[in-house]
C-alpha cells in the first residue's frame, strides 16, 4: 500500500469506529484526490475552494482521480451559508489550520449536521513537529478567541508572513526566508485577495487541550470529544472526532 493509501485507510478506520459510512450521508471538505470515504464505501459529498478542473491543472493530477466538487466554496463566506444540505458527519483533513477563525468554523460544521445526538465532525491536522511549521510558535487559546471575537475571515499579515518565511526558507535551506522577501510576498498575497497560509499550528496535545477548554467554556456548544488520535508515527497528522 502507498503512503497516501495508508493515510486514507487510517482516516476511514477512525471515522468508521464512530459511525458506519455505509449507513450515513457525509460531507468532506478539501478531499481533492484522497477522500476519506470513497464512493464505493459510502455516500459522501465534497466541497472545495476550487473546481476539480482547477485542481487538476494546478497540481497536474488526472481529472478522473479528483473528487467531484458538489459545493464550490468562497473563502470569505461562512461554509454554513454556502451549503444548504445537512449531514450525519463532516470530514475536514488538513483544512482547519488554514482557517483564520477555527472556533466559528467548527461551530458552522456542527450546524451542517442533522439535529440530534451521535452526529460527527472528524478533523485531521498536521502536527507542527512533522512539518516546516516546526519552529513556529504554537497557536494559543487566546489567539483563537481573538480571531473568534473579530470573526476573522482572512489570514492576518503576520500569519501569511510567518508561514511563508518558514515554509519557503526551510524548504530551500536551513533558515527562515529573509524578512524583506517574506514581507513583499505577504503584502502582495493579501492585496490579491487569495492569501493562503497555515494560520494556526499545534502539537497534538496542545490542540486537544484547547478543544476541551473551549468546549468547557461554552465556545463549542453541543460538542464533545469522542475520540482523539495522537500524532500518528509515520505520518504528519493527528485526528479528533467531535460528537453532538
Protein backbone atom coordinates (compact mmCIF):
# COMPACT_ATOMS: atom_id res chain seq x y z
CA UNK A 1 0.00 0.00 0.00
CA UNK A 2 1.23 3.51 -0.82
CA UNK A 3 1.85 6.11 1.90
CA UNK A 4 -1.18 8.08 0.73
CA UNK A 5 -3.26 4.91 0.75
CA UNK A 6 -2.21 4.31 4.35
CA UNK A 7 -3.39 7.83 5.27
CA UNK A 8 -6.74 7.14 3.66
CA UNK A 9 -7.15 3.75 5.32
CA UNK A 10 -6.26 5.09 8.77
CA UNK A 11 -8.66 8.03 8.46
CA UNK A 12 -11.50 5.81 7.34
CA UNK A 13 -10.87 3.42 10.23
CA UNK A 14 -11.06 6.27 12.75
CA UNK A 15 -14.30 7.60 11.27
CA UNK A 16 -15.82 4.13 10.98
CA UNK A 17 -15.15 3.46 14.66
CA UNK A 18 -17.80 6.07 15.49
CA UNK A 19 -20.25 5.90 12.56
CA UNK A 20 -20.98 3.49 9.72
CA UNK A 21 -20.23 5.33 6.45
CA UNK A 22 -22.30 2.81 4.52
CA UNK A 23 -25.37 3.84 6.50
CA UNK A 24 -24.78 7.59 6.71
CA UNK A 25 -24.58 10.64 4.47
CA UNK A 26 -21.43 12.71 4.82
CA UNK A 27 -19.63 15.79 3.62
CA UNK A 28 -15.88 16.13 3.18
CA UNK A 29 -14.18 19.49 2.77
CA UNK A 30 -10.95 19.57 0.78
CA UNK A 31 -10.86 15.90 -0.24
CA UNK A 32 -9.04 16.57 -3.52
CA UNK A 33 -7.86 13.15 -4.76
CA UNK A 34 -7.78 11.46 -1.35
CA UNK A 35 -11.33 11.17 0.02
CA UNK A 36 -11.73 9.68 3.47
CA UNK A 37 -14.92 7.96 2.30
CA UNK A 38 -14.62 6.93 -1.36
CA UNK A 39 -17.81 6.35 -3.32
CA UNK A 40 -17.53 2.56 -3.03
CA UNK A 41 -17.53 2.84 0.79
CA UNK A 42 -20.38 5.24 1.44
CA UNK A 43 -22.39 8.26 0.36
CA UNK A 44 -20.29 11.38 0.76
CA UNK A 45 -20.44 14.74 -0.97
CA UNK A 46 -17.48 17.03 -1.47
CA UNK A 47 -16.81 20.74 -1.02
CA UNK A 48 -13.75 22.72 -2.06
CA UNK A 49 -12.49 26.19 -2.90
CA UNK A 50 -11.54 25.06 -6.41
CA UNK A 51 -13.25 23.05 -9.12
CA UNK A 52 -11.87 19.64 -9.98
CA UNK A 53 -10.63 21.11 -13.27
CA UNK A 54 -8.73 23.86 -11.48
CA UNK A 55 -7.12 21.38 -9.08
CA UNK A 56 -6.17 19.11 -11.97
CA UNK A 57 -4.41 21.97 -13.74
CA UNK A 58 -2.78 23.39 -10.61
CA UNK A 59 -1.41 20.12 -9.25
CA UNK A 60 -1.05 18.23 -12.54
CA UNK A 61 -3.40 15.47 -11.39
CA UNK A 62 -5.56 13.35 -13.69
CA UNK A 63 -9.04 14.84 -13.64
CA UNK A 64 -10.62 11.42 -13.12
CA UNK A 65 -8.62 10.98 -9.87
CA UNK A 66 -10.23 14.02 -8.23
CA UNK A 67 -13.44 14.02 -6.24
CA UNK A 68 -16.36 15.81 -7.88
CA UNK A 69 -16.88 19.20 -6.25
CA UNK A 70 -20.53 19.29 -5.25
CA UNK A 71 -20.21 22.62 -3.41
CA UNK A 72 -17.82 25.27 -4.70
CA UNK A 73 -16.89 27.47 -1.74
CA UNK A 74 -15.84 31.10 -1.45
CA UNK A 75 -13.12 31.67 1.14
CA UNK A 76 -14.61 34.87 2.54
CA UNK A 77 -18.07 33.44 3.29
CA UNK A 78 -19.24 31.09 6.00
CA UNK A 79 -19.39 27.48 4.84
CA UNK A 80 -22.77 27.25 6.54
CA UNK A 81 -24.17 29.93 4.23
CA UNK A 82 -22.95 28.07 1.15
CA UNK A 83 -24.18 24.53 1.75
CA UNK A 84 -27.96 24.09 2.13
CA UNK A 85 -27.89 20.35 2.89
CA UNK A 86 -27.38 18.59 6.22
CA UNK A 87 -25.30 15.51 7.01
CA UNK A 88 -24.62 12.73 9.50
CA UNK A 89 -20.90 13.53 9.59
CA UNK A 90 -18.46 16.11 8.25
CA UNK A 91 -14.79 15.44 7.50
CA UNK A 92 -12.06 18.06 7.06
CA UNK A 93 -8.49 16.79 6.72
CA UNK A 94 -5.71 19.38 6.78
CA UNK A 95 -8.24 22.20 6.47
CA UNK A 96 -8.63 23.77 9.91
CA UNK A 97 -5.04 25.06 10.08
CA UNK A 98 -5.83 27.23 7.04
CA UNK A 99 -8.95 28.74 8.66
CA UNK A 100 -8.48 32.19 10.23
CA UNK A 101 -11.25 31.63 12.81
CA UNK A 102 -11.33 27.92 13.77
CA UNK A 103 -13.94 28.34 16.54
CA UNK A 104 -16.56 29.78 14.20
CA UNK A 105 -15.64 27.23 11.55
CA UNK A 106 -16.15 24.23 13.87
CA UNK A 107 -19.47 25.70 15.01
CA UNK A 108 -20.51 26.07 11.36
CA UNK A 109 -19.58 22.44 10.70
CA UNK A 110 -21.70 21.43 13.69
CA UNK A 111 -24.63 23.36 12.20
CA UNK A 112 -24.22 21.37 8.96
CA UNK A 113 -25.07 18.19 10.87
CA UNK A 114 -28.56 16.77 11.19
CA UNK A 115 -30.12 17.64 14.57
CA UNK A 116 -29.80 15.13 17.35
CA UNK A 117 -27.09 13.18 19.12
CA UNK A 118 -24.47 10.95 17.57
CA UNK A 119 -23.50 13.13 14.58
CA UNK A 120 -19.78 13.66 13.98
CA UNK A 121 -17.10 16.11 12.93
CA UNK A 122 -13.82 14.37 12.05
CA UNK A 123 -10.74 16.55 11.71
CA UNK A 124 -7.13 15.73 10.97
CA UNK A 125 -4.44 18.36 11.34
CA UNK A 126 -0.70 18.43 10.75
CA UNK A 127 1.40 18.19 13.89
CA UNK A 128 3.82 21.08 13.56
CA UNK A 129 6.74 18.88 14.66
CA UNK A 130 6.45 16.92 11.43
CA UNK A 131 6.18 19.91 9.07
CA UNK A 132 8.07 23.07 8.18
CA UNK A 133 5.94 24.79 10.85
CA UNK A 134 8.09 23.10 13.50
CA UNK A 135 9.94 26.27 14.54
CA UNK A 136 6.86 28.49 14.56
CA UNK A 137 5.23 29.37 17.89
CA UNK A 138 2.14 27.29 18.60
CA UNK A 139 -1.30 28.85 18.45
CA UNK A 140 -2.65 29.73 21.88
CA UNK A 141 -6.26 29.65 23.03
CA UNK A 142 -6.02 33.44 23.40
CA UNK A 143 -5.24 33.74 19.69
CA UNK A 144 -8.18 31.51 18.84
CA UNK A 145 -10.51 33.60 20.98
CA UNK A 146 -9.17 36.81 19.44
CA UNK A 147 -9.91 35.52 15.92
CA UNK A 148 -13.35 34.38 17.10
CA UNK A 149 -14.10 37.76 18.67
CA UNK A 150 -13.15 39.54 15.44
CA UNK A 151 -14.88 36.90 13.24
CA UNK A 152 -11.76 36.96 11.10
CA UNK A 153 -12.43 35.89 7.51
CA UNK A 154 -8.91 36.09 6.04
CA UNK A 155 -5.37 35.40 7.27
CA UNK A 156 -3.59 38.22 9.04
CA UNK A 157 -0.48 39.80 7.58
CA UNK A 158 1.54 38.21 10.40
CA UNK A 159 0.21 34.73 9.65
CA UNK A 160 0.99 34.93 5.93
CA UNK A 161 4.42 36.45 6.61
CA UNK A 162 5.37 33.83 9.19
CA UNK A 163 4.05 30.89 7.16
CA UNK A 164 5.87 31.97 4.00
CA UNK A 165 9.15 32.67 5.82
CA UNK A 166 9.25 29.22 7.36
CA UNK A 167 7.87 27.08 4.56
CA UNK A 168 9.95 28.63 1.78
CA UNK A 169 13.04 29.22 3.91
CA UNK A 170 13.28 25.74 5.43
CA UNK A 171 12.21 24.05 2.19
CA UNK A 172 15.20 25.60 0.43
CA UNK A 173 17.72 25.90 3.27
CA UNK A 174 18.24 25.83 7.00
CA UNK A 175 16.83 29.23 7.99
CA UNK A 176 13.65 31.26 7.54
CA UNK A 177 13.35 33.37 4.41
CA UNK A 178 14.86 36.89 4.67
CA UNK A 179 12.28 39.21 6.18
CA UNK A 180 12.24 41.71 3.28
CA UNK A 181 11.42 38.97 0.77
CA UNK A 182 8.75 37.47 3.01
CA UNK A 183 7.28 40.91 3.70
CA UNK A 184 6.89 41.61 -0.01
CA UNK A 185 5.24 38.24 -0.60
CA UNK A 186 2.76 38.69 2.26
CA UNK A 187 1.88 42.19 1.12
CA UNK A 188 1.21 41.07 -2.45
CA UNK A 189 -0.69 37.95 -1.37
CA UNK A 190 -3.06 39.90 0.85
CA UNK A 191 -3.65 42.54 -1.81
CA UNK A 192 -4.57 39.79 -4.28
CA UNK A 193 -7.36 38.55 -2.02
CA UNK A 194 -6.08 34.98 -2.48
CA UNK A 195 -3.76 34.74 0.52
CA UNK A 196 -3.46 31.25 1.96
CA UNK A 197 -1.40 30.13 4.95
CA UNK A 198 -1.26 27.83 7.89
CA UNK A 199 -2.91 30.44 10.08
CA UNK A 200 -2.60 28.18 13.15
CA UNK A 201 -0.13 25.49 14.18
CA UNK A 202 -0.26 22.97 17.01
CA UNK A 203 1.25 19.90 18.53
CA UNK A 204 -1.35 17.22 19.11
CA UNK A 205 -1.73 17.62 22.88
CA UNK A 206 -1.98 21.40 22.55
CA UNK A 207 -4.92 21.13 20.17
CA UNK A 208 -6.72 18.57 22.33
CA UNK A 209 -6.29 20.70 25.45
CA UNK A 210 -7.60 23.81 23.68
CA UNK A 211 -10.61 21.91 22.31
CA UNK A 212 -11.50 20.70 25.78
CA UNK A 213 -11.09 24.19 27.24
CA UNK A 214 -13.29 25.72 24.52
CA UNK A 215 -15.97 23.06 24.99
CA UNK A 216 -15.95 23.50 28.77
CA UNK A 217 -16.17 27.29 28.43
CA UNK A 218 -19.14 27.11 26.05
CA UNK A 219 -17.41 28.28 22.88
CA UNK A 220 -18.06 24.96 21.10
CA UNK A 221 -21.60 24.23 22.34
CA UNK A 222 -23.22 20.88 21.73
CA UNK A 223 -19.96 19.04 21.08
CA UNK A 224 -17.81 16.58 22.99
CA UNK A 225 -14.54 14.84 22.19
CA UNK A 226 -15.50 11.30 21.16
CA UNK A 227 -12.05 10.14 20.07
CA UNK A 228 -8.57 11.57 19.85
CA UNK A 229 -5.76 10.02 17.84
CA UNK A 230 -2.34 11.42 18.76
CA UNK A 231 0.32 12.23 16.20
CA UNK A 232 0.49 9.11 14.04
CA UNK A 233 4.06 7.83 13.72
CA UNK A 234 4.99 7.64 10.06
CA UNK A 235 2.60 10.48 9.17
CA UNK A 236 2.46 14.20 9.82
CA UNK A 237 -1.01 14.36 11.37
CA UNK A 238 -3.24 13.78 14.38
CA UNK A 239 -7.00 13.32 14.45
CA UNK A 240 -10.01 14.21 16.54
CA UNK A 241 -13.67 13.18 16.39
CA UNK A 242 -16.17 15.64 17.86
CA UNK A 243 -19.67 14.31 18.55
CA UNK A 244 -23.01 16.01 19.10
